[in-house]
């Protein structure tokens, strides 16, 4: 783990739980809750580890780095296919282990390839 935040999280909860957290939510914003009990973070890494995150980072919004589980070409191709099928930016980021900004860029590339210069809203 080379990203500064990932290293900091690993120091708090260990590498195994950090990898799990990044695999599930990497590349997206997540809230470090005020209380661990019943939170999304606790659902993923457990209440004890979430408590360590609260004590170590404090409650608030953080942007988790990507977990880099697969090669970039495979993630890019899968992300573009999902976008063409109508998936949201958040859904694609989570499924493909990409940052939401990267997925937004891919959506813009798809629109440019199609000759669209106007922003499209996918509701």
C-alpha atoms as a PDB file:
ATOM      1  CA  UNK A   1       0.000   0.000   0.000  1.00  0.00           C
ATOM      2  CA  UNK A   2       1.610   3.144  -1.217  1.00  0.00           C
ATOM      3  CA  UNK A   3      -1.179   5.730  -0.781  1.00  0.00           C
ATOM      4  CA  UNK A   4      -0.739   7.827   2.371  1.00  0.00           C
ATOM      5  CA  UNK A   5      -4.311   7.409   3.590  1.00  0.00           C
ATOM      6  CA  UNK A   6      -4.239   3.654   2.936  1.00  0.00           C
ATOM      7  CA  UNK A   7      -1.049   3.340   4.984  1.00  0.00           C
ATOM      8  CA  UNK A   8      -2.598   5.400   7.776  1.00  0.00           C
ATOM      9  CA  UNK A   9      -5.748   3.243   7.786  1.00  0.00           C
ATOM     10  CA  UNK A  10      -3.646   0.057   7.750  1.00  0.00           C
ATOM     11  CA  UNK A  11      -1.805   1.365  10.807  1.00  0.00           C
ATOM     12  CA  UNK A  12      -5.139   1.698  12.588  1.00  0.00           C
ATOM     13  CA  UNK A  13      -6.986  -1.474  11.562  1.00  0.00           C
ATOM     14  CA  UNK A  14      -4.401  -3.707   9.877  1.00  0.00           C
ATOM     15  CA  UNK A  15      -3.729  -4.530   6.241  1.00  0.00           C
ATOM     16  CA  UNK A  16      -6.347  -7.258   5.865  1.00  0.00           C
ATOM     17  CA  UNK A  17      -9.258  -5.053   6.947  1.00  0.00           C
ATOM     18  CA  UNK A  18      -7.850  -2.113   4.971  1.00  0.00           C
ATOM     19  CA  UNK A  19      -7.800  -4.221   1.807  1.00  0.00           C
ATOM     20  CA  UNK A  20     -11.381  -5.315   2.483  1.00  0.00           C
ATOM     21  CA  UNK A  21     -12.525  -1.712   2.989  1.00  0.00           C
ATOM     22  CA  UNK A  22     -10.742  -0.524  -0.166  1.00  0.00           C
ATOM     23  CA  UNK A  23     -12.066  -3.440  -2.185  1.00  0.00           C
ATOM     24  CA  UNK A  24     -15.638  -2.592  -1.183  1.00  0.00           C
ATOM     25  CA  UNK A  25     -15.500   1.229  -1.218  1.00  0.00           C
ATOM     26  CA  UNK A  26     -12.161   2.276  -2.741  1.00  0.00           C
ATOM     27  CA  UNK A  27     -12.238   5.301  -5.011  1.00  0.00           C
ATOM     28  CA  UNK A  28     -15.341   6.749  -3.361  1.00  0.00           C
ATOM     29  CA  UNK A  29     -16.094   9.046  -0.497  1.00  0.00           C
ATOM     30  CA  UNK A  30     -17.079   7.424   2.765  1.00  0.00           C
ATOM     31  CA  UNK A  31     -18.101   8.756   6.132  1.00  0.00           C
ATOM     32  CA  UNK A  32     -16.144   7.873   9.240  1.00  0.00           C
ATOM     33  CA  UNK A  33     -19.141   7.818  11.588  1.00  0.00           C
ATOM     34  CA  UNK A  34     -19.481   9.425  14.986  1.00  0.00           C
ATOM     35  CA  UNK A  35     -20.586   6.057  16.421  1.00  0.00           C
ATOM     36  CA  UNK A  36     -19.532   2.697  15.025  1.00  0.00           C
ATOM     37  CA  UNK A  37     -22.706   0.813  15.833  1.00  0.00           C
ATOM     38  CA  UNK A  38     -25.014   0.433  12.832  1.00  0.00           C
ATOM     39  CA  UNK A  39     -22.754   2.295  10.382  1.00  0.00           C
ATOM     40  CA  UNK A  40     -21.878   1.215   6.851  1.00  0.00           C
ATOM     41  CA  UNK A  41     -18.212   1.153   7.827  1.00  0.00           C
ATOM     42  CA  UNK A  42     -18.952  -1.202  10.736  1.00  0.00           C
ATOM     43  CA  UNK A  43     -20.915  -3.411   8.359  1.00  0.00           C
ATOM     44  CA  UNK A  44     -17.799  -3.744   6.210  1.00  0.00           C
ATOM     45  CA  UNK A  45     -14.933  -3.921   8.731  1.00  0.00           C
ATOM     46  CA  UNK A  46     -16.680  -4.471  12.070  1.00  0.00           C
ATOM     47  CA  UNK A  47     -17.453  -2.222  15.017  1.00  0.00           C
ATOM     48  CA  UNK A  48     -14.081  -2.606  16.736  1.00  0.00           C
ATOM     49  CA  UNK A  49     -12.107  -1.585  13.635  1.00  0.00           C
ATOM     50  CA  UNK A  50     -14.554   1.249  12.957  1.00  0.00           C
ATOM     51  CA  UNK A  51     -13.956   2.463  16.506  1.00  0.00           C
ATOM     52  CA  UNK A  52     -10.233   2.534  15.753  1.00  0.00           C
ATOM     53  CA  UNK A  53     -10.923   4.569  12.615  1.00  0.00           C
ATOM     54  CA  UNK A  54     -13.007   7.034  14.626  1.00  0.00           C
ATOM     55  CA  UNK A  55     -10.273   7.412  17.244  1.00  0.00           C
ATOM     56  CA  UNK A  56      -7.463   7.624  14.684  1.00  0.00           C
ATOM     57  CA  UNK A  57      -9.025   9.799  11.976  1.00  0.00           C
ATOM     58  CA  UNK A  58     -11.976  11.388  13.725  1.00  0.00           C
ATOM     59  CA  UNK A  59     -15.489  11.416  12.307  1.00  0.00           C
ATOM     60  CA  UNK A  60     -16.051  12.981   8.909  1.00  0.00           C
ATOM     61  CA  UNK A  61     -15.945  12.369   5.171  1.00  0.00           C
ATOM     62  CA  UNK A  62     -12.860  10.791   3.591  1.00  0.00           C
ATOM     63  CA  UNK A  63     -12.056   9.809   0.001  1.00  0.00           C
ATOM     64  CA  UNK A  64     -10.684   6.300  -0.021  1.00  0.00           C
ATOM     65  CA  UNK A  65      -7.959   5.412  -2.515  1.00  0.00           C
ATOM     66  CA  UNK A  66      -8.608   2.682  -5.092  1.00  0.00           C
ATOM     67  CA  UNK A  67      -7.608  -0.848  -4.179  1.00  0.00           C
ATOM     68  CA  UNK A  68      -6.007  -1.662  -7.564  1.00  0.00           C
ATOM     69  CA  UNK A  69      -7.276  -5.239  -7.669  1.00  0.00           C
ATOM     70  CA  UNK A  70      -7.104  -5.617 -11.460  1.00  0.00           C
ATOM     71  CA  UNK A  71      -5.246  -4.220 -14.431  1.00  0.00           C
ATOM     72  CA  UNK A  72      -6.170  -0.757 -15.709  1.00  0.00           C
ATOM     73  CA  UNK A  73      -7.270  -1.927 -19.180  1.00  0.00           C
ATOM     74  CA  UNK A  74      -9.734  -4.445 -17.793  1.00  0.00           C
ATOM     75  CA  UNK A  75     -11.192  -1.917 -15.358  1.00  0.00           C
ATOM     76  CA  UNK A  76     -11.504   0.746 -18.056  1.00  0.00           C
ATOM     77  CA  UNK A  77     -13.233  -1.617 -20.513  1.00  0.00           C
ATOM     78  CA  UNK A  78     -15.626  -2.893 -17.860  1.00  0.00           C
ATOM     79  CA  UNK A  79     -16.374   0.632 -16.646  1.00  0.00           C
ATOM     80  CA  UNK A  80     -17.196   1.879 -20.137  1.00  0.00           C
ATOM     81  CA  UNK A  81     -19.421  -1.135 -20.792  1.00  0.00           C
ATOM     82  CA  UNK A  82     -21.311  -0.511 -17.571  1.00  0.00           C
ATOM     83  CA  UNK A  83     -21.730   3.195 -18.392  1.00  0.00           C
ATOM     84  CA  UNK A  84     -23.068   2.350 -21.836  1.00  0.00           C
ATOM     85  CA  UNK A  85     -25.543  -0.012 -20.149  1.00  0.00           C
ATOM     86  CA  UNK A  86     -26.800   2.847 -17.964  1.00  0.00           C
ATOM     87  CA  UNK A  87     -25.024   2.264 -14.637  1.00  0.00           C
ATOM     88  CA  UNK A  88     -24.389   5.279 -12.415  1.00  0.00           C
ATOM     89  CA  UNK A  89     -20.937   6.716 -11.789  1.00  0.00           C
ATOM     90  CA  UNK A  90     -21.017   5.465  -8.177  1.00  0.00           C
ATOM     91  CA  UNK A  91     -22.070   1.947  -9.243  1.00  0.00           C
ATOM     92  CA  UNK A  92     -19.279   1.768 -11.803  1.00  0.00           C
ATOM     93  CA  UNK A  93     -16.651   3.135  -9.401  1.00  0.00           C
ATOM     94  CA  UNK A  94     -17.508   0.507  -6.791  1.00  0.00           C
ATOM     95  CA  UNK A  95     -17.784  -2.392  -9.234  1.00  0.00           C
ATOM     96  CA  UNK A  96     -14.593  -1.581 -11.160  1.00  0.00           C
ATOM     97  CA  UNK A  97     -12.401  -0.343  -8.301  1.00  0.00           C
ATOM     98  CA  UNK A  98     -12.074   3.137  -9.812  1.00  0.00           C
ATOM     99  CA  UNK A  99     -12.330   6.657  -8.479  1.00  0.00           C
ATOM    100  CA  UNK A 100     -15.569   8.483  -9.284  1.00  0.00           C
ATOM    101  CA  UNK A 101     -13.588  11.221 -11.074  1.00  0.00           C
ATOM    102  CA  UNK A 102     -12.072   8.603 -13.371  1.00  0.00           C
ATOM    103  CA  UNK A 103     -15.502   7.179 -14.162  1.00  0.00           C
ATOM    104  CA  UNK A 104     -16.778  10.690 -14.936  1.00  0.00           C
ATOM    105  CA  UNK A 105     -13.890  11.071 -17.361  1.00  0.00           C
ATOM    106  CA  UNK A 106     -14.816   7.771 -19.031  1.00  0.00           C
ATOM    107  CA  UNK A 107     -18.416   8.946 -19.402  1.00  0.00           C
ATOM    108  CA  UNK A 108     -17.163  12.150 -21.071  1.00  0.00           C
ATOM    109  CA  UNK A 109     -15.003  10.058 -23.433  1.00  0.00           C
ATOM    110  CA  UNK A 110     -18.017   7.930 -24.383  1.00  0.00           C
ATOM    111  CA  UNK A 111     -20.046  11.049 -25.105  1.00  0.00           C
ATOM    112  CA  UNK A 112     -17.198  12.540 -27.178  1.00  0.00           C
ATOM    113  CA  UNK A 113     -16.861   9.300 -29.177  1.00  0.00           C
ATOM    114  CA  UNK A 114     -20.567   9.514 -29.972  1.00  0.00           C
ATOM    115  CA  UNK A 115     -20.186  13.133 -31.077  1.00  0.00           C
ATOM    116  CA  UNK A 116     -22.143  14.495 -28.124  1.00  0.00           C
ATOM    117  CA  UNK A 117     -20.855  17.796 -26.835  1.00  0.00           C
ATOM    118  CA  UNK A 118     -23.722  18.397 -24.449  1.00  0.00           C
ATOM    119  CA  UNK A 119     -23.763  16.898 -20.982  1.00  0.00           C
ATOM    120  CA  UNK A 120     -26.284  14.092 -20.580  1.00  0.00           C
ATOM    121  CA  UNK A 121     -28.160  13.297 -17.409  1.00  0.00           C
ATOM    122  CA  UNK A 122     -28.914   9.643 -16.745  1.00  0.00           C
ATOM    123  CA  UNK A 123     -31.958   9.586 -14.499  1.00  0.00           C
END
